[in-house]
Amino acid sequence: MVDFSQRLKRVRMDRHMTQAQVAKKIGVTASMVSSYETDIRLPSYDVMIRIADLFGVSVDYLLGRDNKRLVDLSRLTDEEAAVVCGMISLLEQKKGE
């Protein structure tokens, strides 16, 4: 599950979180998070779901079955969500040029 360890580390770093911070939020030790990121261990299903929820991604994304990353806009106003969606569209257009 090389994809899992790499994707976990990527989403953690994207959020500027330490392994200790992630560990506290998902209810494991920092050394467990480290072992997940270095392919020494895989989390239980329960912990994997907590990781997905924490970072707003799907378990399929963490496992490398899907490349879609999700953005939770539920705490934004409609106007704020529209701005974010507009920025995403602009970046996708720019990338396609």
PDB file of N, CA and C in Angstrom:
ATOM      1  N   MET A   1       0.824  -1.194   0.000  1.00  0.00           N
ATOM      2  CA  MET A   1       0.000   0.000   0.000  1.00  0.00           C
ATOM      3  C   MET A   1       0.866   1.254   0.000  1.00  0.00           C
ATOM      4  N   VAL A   2       1.780   1.333  -0.933  1.00  0.00           N
ATOM      5  CA  VAL A   2       2.646   2.500  -1.035  1.00  0.00           C
ATOM      6  C   VAL A   2       1.808   3.759  -1.210  1.00  0.00           C
ATOM      7  N   ASP A   3       0.746   3.664  -1.978  1.00  0.00           N
ATOM      8  CA  ASP A   3      -0.106   4.829  -2.195  1.00  0.00           C
ATOM      9  C   ASP A   3      -0.632   5.393  -0.887  1.00  0.00           C
ATOM     10  N   PHE A   4      -1.049   4.521   0.029  1.00  0.00           N
ATOM     11  CA  PHE A   4      -1.616   5.008   1.288  1.00  0.00           C
ATOM     12  C   PHE A   4      -0.608   5.853   2.057  1.00  0.00           C
ATOM     13  N   SER A   5       0.595   5.341   2.240  1.00  0.00           N
ATOM     14  CA  SER A   5       1.588   6.073   3.038  1.00  0.00           C
ATOM     15  C   SER A   5       1.918   7.424   2.403  1.00  0.00           C
ATOM     16  N   GLN A   6       2.072   7.436   1.088  1.00  0.00           N
ATOM     17  CA  GLN A   6       2.399   8.684   0.392  1.00  0.00           C
ATOM     18  C   GLN A   6       1.241   9.671   0.449  1.00  0.00           C
ATOM     19  N   ARG A   7       0.042   9.169   0.255  1.00  0.00           N
ATOM     20  CA  ARG A   7      -1.121  10.063   0.260  1.00  0.00           C
ATOM     21  C   ARG A   7      -1.401  10.605   1.659  1.00  0.00           C
ATOM     22  N   LEU A   8      -1.228   9.770   2.672  1.00  0.00           N
ATOM     23  CA  LEU A   8      -1.412  10.251   4.038  1.00  0.00           C
ATOM     24  C   LEU A   8      -0.432  11.377   4.339  1.00  0.00           C
ATOM     25  N   LYS A   9       0.815  11.171   4.008  1.00  0.00           N
ATOM     26  CA  LYS A   9       1.820  12.195   4.273  1.00  0.00           C
ATOM     27  C   LYS A   9       1.511  13.470   3.490  1.00  0.00           C
ATOM     28  N   ARG A  10       1.078  13.321   2.239  1.00  0.00           N
ATOM     29  CA  ARG A  10       0.764  14.486   1.406  1.00  0.00           C
ATOM     30  C   ARG A  10      -0.384  15.303   1.990  1.00  0.00           C
ATOM     31  N   VAL A  11      -1.475  14.634   2.381  1.00  0.00           N
ATOM     32  CA  VAL A  11      -2.611  15.399   2.919  1.00  0.00           C
ATOM     33  C   VAL A  11      -2.266  16.009   4.273  1.00  0.00           C
ATOM     34  N   ARG A  12      -1.448  15.313   5.055  1.00  0.00           N
ATOM     35  CA  ARG A  12      -1.034  15.873   6.351  1.00  0.00           C
ATOM     36  C   ARG A  12      -0.201  17.127   6.138  1.00  0.00           C
ATOM     37  N   MET A  13       0.744  17.056   5.232  1.00  0.00           N
ATOM     38  CA  MET A  13       1.615  18.207   4.985  1.00  0.00           C
ATOM     39  C   MET A  13       0.852  19.352   4.319  1.00  0.00           C
ATOM     40  N   ASP A  14      -0.107  19.022   3.454  1.00  0.00           N
ATOM     41  CA  ASP A  14      -0.947  20.064   2.838  1.00  0.00           C
ATOM     42  C   ASP A  14      -1.692  20.868   3.898  1.00  0.00           C
ATOM     43  N   ARG A  15      -2.048  20.216   4.991  1.00  0.00           N
ATOM     44  CA  ARG A  15      -2.756  20.885   6.090  1.00  0.00           C
ATOM     45  C   ARG A  15      -1.799  21.476   7.121  1.00  0.00           C
ATOM     46  N   HIS A  16      -0.498  21.341   6.871  1.00  0.00           N
ATOM     47  CA  HIS A  16       0.518  21.869   7.782  1.00  0.00           C
ATOM     48  C   HIS A  16       0.344  21.313   9.194  1.00  0.00           C
ATOM     49  N   MET A  17       0.125  20.006   9.267  1.00  0.00           N
ATOM     50  CA  MET A  17      -0.052  19.345  10.552  1.00  0.00           C
ATOM     51  C   MET A  17       1.131  18.431  10.837  1.00  0.00           C
ATOM     52  N   THR A  18       1.471  18.305  12.100  1.00  0.00           N
ATOM     53  CA  THR A  18       2.515  17.364  12.502  1.00  0.00           C
ATOM     54  C   THR A  18       1.880  15.982  12.692  1.00  0.00           C
ATOM     55  N   GLN A  19       2.727  14.981  12.761  1.00  0.00           N
ATOM     56  CA  GLN A  19       2.226  13.633  13.037  1.00  0.00           C
ATOM     57  C   GLN A  19       1.548  13.595  14.402  1.00  0.00           C
ATOM     58  N   ALA A  20       2.090  14.325  15.364  1.00  0.00           N
ATOM     59  CA  ALA A  20       1.501  14.364  16.710  1.00  0.00           C
ATOM     60  C   ALA A  20       0.099  14.984  16.682  1.00  0.00           C
ATOM     61  N   GLN A  21      -0.079  16.031  15.897  1.00  0.00           N
ATOM     62  CA  GLN A  21      -1.396  16.671  15.796  1.00  0.00           C
ATOM     63  C   GLN A  21      -2.417  15.720  15.180  1.00  0.00           C
ATOM     64  N   VAL A  22      -1.997  15.036  14.116  1.00  0.00           N
ATOM     65  CA  VAL A  22      -2.887  14.068  13.463  1.00  0.00           C
ATOM     66  C   VAL A  22      -3.225  12.958  14.451  1.00  0.00           C
ATOM     67  N   ALA A  23      -2.217  12.446  15.123  1.00  0.00           N
ATOM     68  CA  ALA A  23      -2.411  11.352  16.073  1.00  0.00           C
ATOM     69  C   ALA A  23      -3.450  11.719  17.136  1.00  0.00           C
ATOM     70  N   LYS A  24      -3.332  12.918  17.679  1.00  0.00           N
ATOM     71  CA  LYS A  24      -4.263  13.357  18.716  1.00  0.00           C
ATOM     72  C   LYS A  24      -5.695  13.401  18.190  1.00  0.00           C
ATOM     73  N   LYS A  25      -5.854  13.882  16.969  1.00  0.00           N
ATOM     74  CA  LYS A  25      -7.194  14.023  16.399  1.00  0.00           C
ATOM     75  C   LYS A  25      -7.829  12.689  16.025  1.00  0.00           C
ATOM     76  N   ILE A  26      -7.006  11.681  15.674  1.00  0.00           N
ATOM     77  CA  ILE A  26      -7.587  10.390  15.271  1.00  0.00           C
ATOM     78  C   ILE A  26      -7.492   9.335  16.364  1.00  0.00           C
ATOM     79  N   GLY A  27      -6.889   9.694  17.496  1.00  0.00           N
ATOM     80  CA  GLY A  27      -6.877   8.791  18.638  1.00  0.00           C
ATOM     81  C   GLY A  27      -5.831   7.686  18.610  1.00  0.00           C
ATOM     82  N   VAL A  28      -4.668   7.991  18.042  1.00  0.00           N
ATOM     83  CA  VAL A  28      -3.544   7.039  18.055  1.00  0.00           C
ATOM     84  C   VAL A  28      -2.297   7.801  18.508  1.00  0.00           C
ATOM     85  N   THR A  29      -1.172   7.111  18.593  1.00  0.00           N
ATOM     86  CA  THR A  29       0.073   7.774  18.977  1.00  0.00           C
ATOM     87  C   THR A  29       0.771   8.348  17.738  1.00  0.00           C
ATOM     88  N   ALA A  30       1.664   9.295  17.972  1.00  0.00           N
ATOM     89  CA  ALA A  30       2.444   9.865  16.863  1.00  0.00           C
ATOM     90  C   ALA A  30       3.295   8.794  16.202  1.00  0.00           C
ATOM     91  N   SER A  31       3.786   7.847  16.977  1.00  0.00           N
ATOM     92  CA  SER A  31       4.598   6.773  16.378  1.00  0.00           C
ATOM     93  C   SER A  31       3.753   5.898  15.459  1.00  0.00           C
ATOM     94  N   MET A  32       2.469   5.760  15.754  1.00  0.00           N
ATOM     95  CA  MET A  32       1.580   5.004  14.851  1.00  0.00           C
ATOM     96  C   MET A  32       1.425   5.752  13.528  1.00  0.00           C
ATOM     97  N   VAL A  33       1.226   7.059  13.589  1.00  0.00           N
ATOM     98  CA  VAL A  33       1.106   7.852  12.362  1.00  0.00           C
ATOM     99  C   VAL A  33       2.400   7.725  11.558  1.00  0.00           C
ATOM    100  N   SER A  34       3.522   7.783  12.234  1.00  0.00           N
ATOM    101  CA  SER A  34       4.811   7.616  11.565  1.00  0.00           C
ATOM    102  C   SER A  34       4.899   6.251  10.884  1.00  0.00           C
ATOM    103  N   SER A  35       4.428   5.223  11.574  1.00  0.00           N
ATOM    104  CA  SER A  35       4.483   3.880  10.981  1.00  0.00           C
ATOM    105  C   SER A  35       3.543   3.758   9.784  1.00  0.00           C
ATOM    106  N   TYR A  36       2.443   4.496   9.774  1.00  0.00           N
ATOM    107  CA  TYR A  36       1.560   4.510   8.602  1.00  0.00           C
ATOM    108  C   TYR A  36       2.256   5.182   7.416  1.00  0.00           C
ATOM    109  N   GLU A  37       2.953   6.266   7.692  1.00  0.00           N
ATOM    110  CA  GLU A  37       3.610   7.041   6.625  1.00  0.00           C
ATOM    111  C   GLU A  37       4.872   6.363   6.083  1.00  0.00           C
ATOM    112  N   THR A  38       5.400   5.402   6.810  1.00  0.00           N
ATOM    113  CA  THR A  38       6.616   4.717   6.359  1.00  0.00           C
ATOM    114  C   THR A  38       6.326   3.281   5.928  1.00  0.00           C
ATOM    115  N   ASP A  39       5.065   2.962   5.754  1.00  0.00           N
ATOM    116  CA  ASP A  39       4.655   1.629   5.276  1.00  0.00           C
ATOM    117  C   ASP A  39       5.001   0.495   6.225  1.00  0.00           C
ATOM    118  N   ILE A  40       5.167   0.806   7.498  1.00  0.00           N
ATOM    119  CA  ILE A  40       5.435  -0.254   8.470  1.00  0.00           C
ATOM    120  C   ILE A  40       4.124  -0.919   8.894  1.00  0.00           C
ATOM    121  N   ARG A  41       3.087  -0.105   9.025  1.00  0.00           N
ATOM    122  CA  ARG A  41       1.768  -0.608   9.426  1.00  0.00           C
ATOM    123  C   ARG A  41       0.688   0.062   8.611  1.00  0.00           C
ATOM    124  N   LEU A  42      -0.456  -0.591   8.562  1.00  0.00           N
ATOM    125  CA  LEU A  42      -1.666   0.008   8.002  1.00  0.00           C
ATOM    126  C   LEU A  42      -2.643   0.243   9.146  1.00  0.00           C
ATOM    127  N   PRO A  43      -3.402   1.320   9.079  1.00  0.00           N
ATOM    128  CA  PRO A  43      -4.374   1.568  10.149  1.00  0.00           C
ATOM    129  C   PRO A  43      -5.544   0.600  10.042  1.00  0.00           C
ATOM    130  N   SER A  44      -6.252   0.442  11.148  1.00  0.00           N
ATOM    131  CA  SER A  44      -7.492  -0.342  11.126  1.00  0.00           C
ATOM    132  C   SER A  44      -8.504   0.399  10.255  1.00  0.00           C
ATOM    133  N   TYR A  45      -9.573  -0.275   9.910  1.00  0.00           N
ATOM    134  CA  TYR A  45     -10.613   0.373   9.109  1.00  0.00           C
ATOM    135  C   TYR A  45     -11.165   1.597   9.835  1.00  0.00           C
ATOM    136  N   ASP A  46     -11.364   1.446  11.123  1.00  0.00           N
ATOM    137  CA  ASP A  46     -11.883   2.541  11.943  1.00  0.00           C
ATOM    138  C   ASP A  46     -10.984   3.775  11.876  1.00  0.00           C
ATOM    139  N   VAL A  47      -9.698   3.551  12.039  1.00  0.00           N
ATOM    140  CA  VAL A  47      -8.730   4.655  12.027  1.00  0.00           C
ATOM    141  C   VAL A  47      -8.631   5.248  10.625  1.00  0.00           C
ATOM    142  N   MET A  48      -8.690   4.405   9.597  1.00  0.00           N
ATOM    143  CA  MET A  48      -8.615   4.908   8.229  1.00  0.00           C
ATOM    144  C   MET A  48      -9.796   5.841   7.927  1.00  0.00           C
ATOM    145  N   ILE A  49     -10.950   5.494   8.443  1.00  0.00           N
ATOM    146  CA  ILE A  49     -12.127   6.347   8.247  1.00  0.00           C
ATOM    147  C   ILE A  49     -11.932   7.675   8.986  1.00  0.00           C
ATOM    148  N   ARG A  50     -11.369   7.628  10.185  1.00  0.00           N
ATOM    149  CA  ARG A  50     -11.107   8.867  10.938  1.00  0.00           C
ATOM    150  C   ARG A  50     -10.098   9.750  10.204  1.00  0.00           C
ATOM    151  N   ILE A  51      -9.091   9.121   9.585  1.00  0.00           N
ATOM    152  CA  ILE A  51      -8.105   9.877   8.800  1.00  0.00           C
ATOM    153  C   ILE A  51      -8.793  10.546   7.611  1.00  0.00           C
ATOM    154  N   ALA A  52      -9.613   9.791   6.896  1.00  0.00           N
ATOM    155  CA  ALA A  52     -10.332  10.346   5.746  1.00  0.00           C
ATOM    156  C   ALA A  52     -11.219  11.509   6.171  1.00  0.00           C
ATOM    157  N   ASP A  53     -11.928  11.339   7.274  1.00  0.00           N
ATOM    158  CA  ASP A  53     -12.802  12.412   7.772  1.00  0.00           C
ATOM    159  C   ASP A  53     -12.003  13.641   8.180  1.00  0.00           C
ATOM    160  N   LEU A  54     -10.881  13.428   8.846  1.00  0.00           N
ATOM    161  CA  LEU A  54     -10.044  14.539   9.294  1.00  0.00           C
ATOM    162  C   LEU A  54      -9.583  15.395   8.120  1.00  0.00           C
ATOM    163  N   PHE A  55      -9.175  14.754   7.041  1.00  0.00           N
ATOM    164  CA  PHE A  55      -8.609  15.488   5.911  1.00  0.00           C
ATOM    165  C   PHE A  55      -9.618  15.768   4.796  1.00  0.00           C
ATOM    166  N   GLY A  56     -10.849  15.335   4.970  1.00  0.00           N
ATOM    167  CA  GLY A  56     -11.873  15.618   3.959  1.00  0.00           C
ATOM    168  C   GLY A  56     -11.618  14.921   2.639  1.00  0.00           C
ATOM    169  N   VAL A  57     -11.079  13.706   2.710  1.00  0.00           N
ATOM    170  CA  VAL A  57     -10.856  12.905   1.508  1.00  0.00           C
ATOM    171  C   VAL A  57     -11.589  11.578   1.687  1.00  0.00           C
ATOM    172  N   SER A  58     -11.718  10.832   0.621  1.00  0.00           N
ATOM    173  CA  SER A  58     -12.357   9.524   0.726  1.00  0.00           C
ATOM    174  C   SER A  58     -11.321   8.463   1.086  1.00  0.00           C
ATOM    175  N   VAL A  59     -11.790   7.359   1.624  1.00  0.00           N
ATOM    176  CA  VAL A  59     -10.906   6.223   1.882  1.00  0.00           C
ATOM    177  C   VAL A  59     -10.336   5.730   0.555  1.00  0.00           C
ATOM    178  N   ASP A  60     -11.135   5.764  -0.495  1.00  0.00           N
ATOM    179  CA  ASP A  60     -10.638   5.372  -1.821  1.00  0.00           C
ATOM    180  C   ASP A  60      -9.462   6.244  -2.249  1.00  0.00           C
ATOM    181  N   TYR A  61      -9.521   7.525  -1.946  1.00  0.00           N
ATOM    182  CA  TYR A  61      -8.389   8.402  -2.269  1.00  0.00           C
ATOM    183  C   TYR A  61      -7.154   7.959  -1.488  1.00  0.00           C
ATOM    184  N   LEU A  62      -7.305   7.724  -0.198  1.00  0.00           N
ATOM    185  CA  LEU A  62      -6.167   7.312   0.622  1.00  0.00           C
ATOM    186  C   LEU A  62      -5.556   5.998   0.140  1.00  0.00           C
ATOM    187  N   LEU A  63      -6.400   5.105  -0.364  1.00  0.00           N
ATOM    188  CA  LEU A  63      -5.925   3.797  -0.822  1.00  0.00           C
ATOM    189  C   LEU A  63      -5.426   3.814  -2.267  1.00  0.00           C
ATOM    190  N   GLY A  64      -5.524   4.955  -2.922  1.00  0.00           N
ATOM    191  CA  GLY A  64      -5.039   5.054  -4.293  1.00  0.00           C
ATOM    192  C   GLY A  64      -6.015   4.548  -5.340  1.00  0.00           C
ATOM    193  N   ARG A  65      -7.265   4.333  -4.939  1.00  0.00           N
ATOM    194  CA  ARG A  65      -8.271   3.851  -5.884  1.00  0.00           C
ATOM    195  C   ARG A  65      -8.953   4.995  -6.629  1.00  0.00           C
ATOM    196  N   ASP A  66      -8.748   6.207  -6.156  1.00  0.00           N
ATOM    197  CA  ASP A  66      -9.398   7.382  -6.726  1.00  0.00           C
ATOM    198  C   ASP A  66      -8.438   8.554  -6.576  1.00  0.00           C
ATOM    199  N   ASN A  67      -8.364   9.392  -7.586  1.00  0.00           N
ATOM    200  CA  ASN A  67      -7.470  10.547  -7.516  1.00  0.00           C
ATOM    201  C   ASN A  67      -8.193  11.835  -7.163  1.00  0.00           C
ATOM    202  N   LYS A  68      -9.482  11.749  -6.920  1.00  0.00           N
ATOM    203  CA  LYS A  68     -10.257  12.944  -6.600  1.00  0.00           C
ATOM    204  C   LYS A  68     -10.062  13.330  -5.148  1.00  0.00           C
ATOM    205  N   ARG A  69      -9.688  14.582  -4.947  1.00  0.00           N
ATOM    206  CA  ARG A  69      -9.603  15.124  -3.592  1.00  0.00           C
ATOM    207  C   ARG A  69     -10.809  16.016  -3.407  1.00  0.00           C
ATOM    208  N   LEU A  70     -11.396  15.945  -2.255  1.00  0.00           N
ATOM    209  CA  LEU A  70     -12.620  16.690  -1.983  1.00  0.00           C
ATOM    210  C   LEU A  70     -12.307  17.934  -1.168  1.00  0.00           C
ATOM    211  N   VAL A  71     -13.136  18.938  -1.342  1.00  0.00           N
ATOM    212  CA  VAL A  71     -13.022  20.150  -0.544  1.00  0.00           C
ATOM    213  C   VAL A  71     -14.355  20.341   0.165  1.00  0.00           C
ATOM    214  N   ASP A  72     -14.320  20.415   1.476  1.00  0.00           N
ATOM    215  CA  ASP A  72     -15.535  20.600   2.256  1.00  0.00           C
ATOM    216  C   ASP A  72     -15.868  22.084   2.311  1.00  0.00           C
ATOM    217  N   LEU A  73     -16.954  22.446   1.665  1.00  0.00           N
ATOM    218  CA  LEU A  73     -17.382  23.846   1.623  1.00  0.00           C
ATOM    219  C   LEU A  73     -18.558  24.113   2.553  1.00  0.00           C
ATOM    220  N   SER A  74     -18.916  23.136   3.360  1.00  0.00           N
ATOM    221  CA  SER A  74     -20.136  23.232   4.163  1.00  0.00           C
ATOM    222  C   SER A  74     -20.110  24.364   5.191  1.00  0.00           C
ATOM    223  N   ARG A  75     -18.948  24.797   5.618  1.00  0.00           N
ATOM    224  CA  ARG A  75     -18.882  25.878   6.610  1.00  0.00           C
ATOM    225  C   ARG A  75     -18.785  27.252   5.956  1.00  0.00           C
ATOM    226  N   LEU A  76     -18.810  27.298   4.636  1.00  0.00           N
ATOM    227  CA  LEU A  76     -18.731  28.573   3.919  1.00  0.00           C
ATOM    228  C   LEU A  76     -20.120  29.055   3.546  1.00  0.00           C
ATOM    229  N   THR A  77     -20.237  30.355   3.342  1.00  0.00           N
ATOM    230  CA  THR A  77     -21.492  30.903   2.819  1.00  0.00           C
ATOM    231  C   THR A  77     -21.585  30.521   1.349  1.00  0.00           C
ATOM    232  N   ASP A  78     -22.748  30.691   0.778  1.00  0.00           N
ATOM    233  CA  ASP A  78     -22.918  30.399  -0.649  1.00  0.00           C
ATOM    234  C   ASP A  78     -21.979  31.244  -1.500  1.00  0.00           C
ATOM    235  N   GLU A  79     -21.828  32.507  -1.125  1.00  0.00           N
ATOM    236  CA  GLU A  79     -20.925  33.399  -1.869  1.00  0.00           C
ATOM    237  C   GLU A  79     -19.479  32.925  -1.784  1.00  0.00           C
ATOM    238  N   GLU A  80     -19.050  32.549  -0.586  1.00  0.00           N
ATOM    239  CA  GLU A  80     -17.678  32.067  -0.395  1.00  0.00           C
ATOM    240  C   GLU A  80     -17.441  30.779  -1.172  1.00  0.00           C
ATOM    241  N   ALA A  81     -18.407  29.878  -1.147  1.00  0.00           N
ATOM    242  CA  ALA A  81     -18.285  28.620  -1.887  1.00  0.00           C
ATOM    243  C   ALA A  81     -18.202  28.887  -3.385  1.00  0.00           C
ATOM    244  N   ALA A  82     -18.968  29.855  -3.876  1.00  0.00           N
ATOM    245  CA  ALA A  82     -18.928  30.202  -5.294  1.00  0.00           C
ATOM    246  C   ALA A  82     -17.556  30.737  -5.682  1.00  0.00           C
ATOM    247  N   VAL A  83     -16.942  31.533  -4.811  1.00  0.00           N
ATOM    248  CA  VAL A  83     -15.601  32.061  -5.077  1.00  0.00           C
ATOM    249  C   VAL A  83     -14.598  30.909  -5.174  1.00  0.00           C
ATOM    250  N   VAL A  84     -14.677  29.971  -4.233  1.00  0.00           N
ATOM    251  CA  VAL A  84     -13.763  28.823  -4.245  1.00  0.00           C
ATOM    252  C   VAL A  84     -13.956  28.006  -5.524  1.00  0.00           C
ATOM    253  N   CYS A  85     -15.195  27.744  -5.886  1.00  0.00           N
ATOM    254  CA  CYS A  85     -15.473  26.979  -7.108  1.00  0.00           C
ATOM    255  C   CYS A  85     -14.965  27.719  -8.344  1.00  0.00           C
ATOM    256  N   GLY A  86     -15.119  29.028  -8.345  1.00  0.00           N
ATOM    257  CA  GLY A  86     -14.607  29.824  -9.455  1.00  0.00           C
ATOM    258  C   GLY A  86     -13.089  29.739  -9.557  1.00  0.00           C
ATOM    259  N   MET A  87     -12.415  29.773  -8.417  1.00  0.00           N
ATOM    260  CA  MET A  87     -10.955  29.659  -8.415  1.00  0.00           C
ATOM    261  C   MET A  87     -10.516  28.299  -8.934  1.00  0.00           C
ATOM    262  N   ILE A  88     -11.230  27.253  -8.541  1.00  0.00           N
ATOM    263  CA  ILE A  88     -10.900  25.909  -9.017  1.00  0.00           C
ATOM    264  C   ILE A  88     -11.078  25.833 -10.528  1.00  0.00           C
ATOM    265  N   SER A  89     -12.165  26.363 -11.027  1.00  0.00           N
ATOM    266  CA  SER A  89     -12.404  26.366 -12.479  1.00  0.00           C
ATOM    267  C   SER A  89     -11.310  27.121 -13.217  1.00  0.00           C
ATOM    268  N   LEU A  90     -10.924  28.275 -12.686  1.00  0.00           N
ATOM    269  CA  LEU A  90      -9.866  29.069 -13.295  1.00  0.00           C
ATOM    270  C   LEU A  90      -8.547  28.294 -13.341  1.00  0.00           C
ATOM    271  N   LEU A  91      -8.204  27.636 -12.246  1.00  0.00           N
ATOM    272  CA  LEU A  91      -6.966  26.848 -12.202  1.00  0.00           C
ATOM    273  C   LEU A  91      -7.015  25.661 -13.169  1.00  0.00           C
ATOM    274  N   GLU A  92      -8.172  25.031 -13.298  1.00  0.00           N
ATOM    275  CA  GLU A  92      -8.304  23.911 -14.247  1.00  0.00           C
ATOM    276  C   GLU A  92      -8.154  24.396 -15.677  1.00  0.00           C
ATOM    277  N   GLN A  93      -8.741  25.553 -15.988  1.00  0.00           N
ATOM    278  CA  GLN A  93      -8.599  26.132 -17.338  1.00  0.00           C
ATOM    279  C   GLN A  93      -7.163  26.475 -17.626  1.00  0.00           C
ATOM    280  N   LYS A  94      -6.511  27.089 -16.659  1.00  0.00           N
ATOM    281  CA  LYS A  94      -5.116  27.498 -16.815  1.00  0.00           C
ATOM    282  C   LYS A  94      -4.226  26.277 -17.041  1.00  0.00           C
ATOM    283  N   LYS A  95      -4.509  25.204 -16.338  1.00  0.00           N
ATOM    284  CA  LYS A  95      -3.732  23.971 -16.456  1.00  0.00           C
ATOM    285  C   LYS A  95      -3.919  23.337 -17.837  1.00  0.00           C
ATOM    286  N   GLY A  96      -5.132  23.508 -18.409  1.00  0.00           N
ATOM    287  CA  GLY A  96      -5.439  22.919 -19.703  1.00  0.00           C
ATOM    288  C   GLY A  96      -4.838  23.688 -20.889  1.00  0.00           C
ATOM    289  N   GLU A  97      -4.329  24.869 -20.662  1.00  0.00           N
ATOM    290  CA  GLU A  97      -3.785  25.694 -21.746  1.00  0.00           C
ATOM    291  C   GLU A  97      -2.444  25.187 -22.222  1.00  0.00           C
TER     292      GLU A  97
END
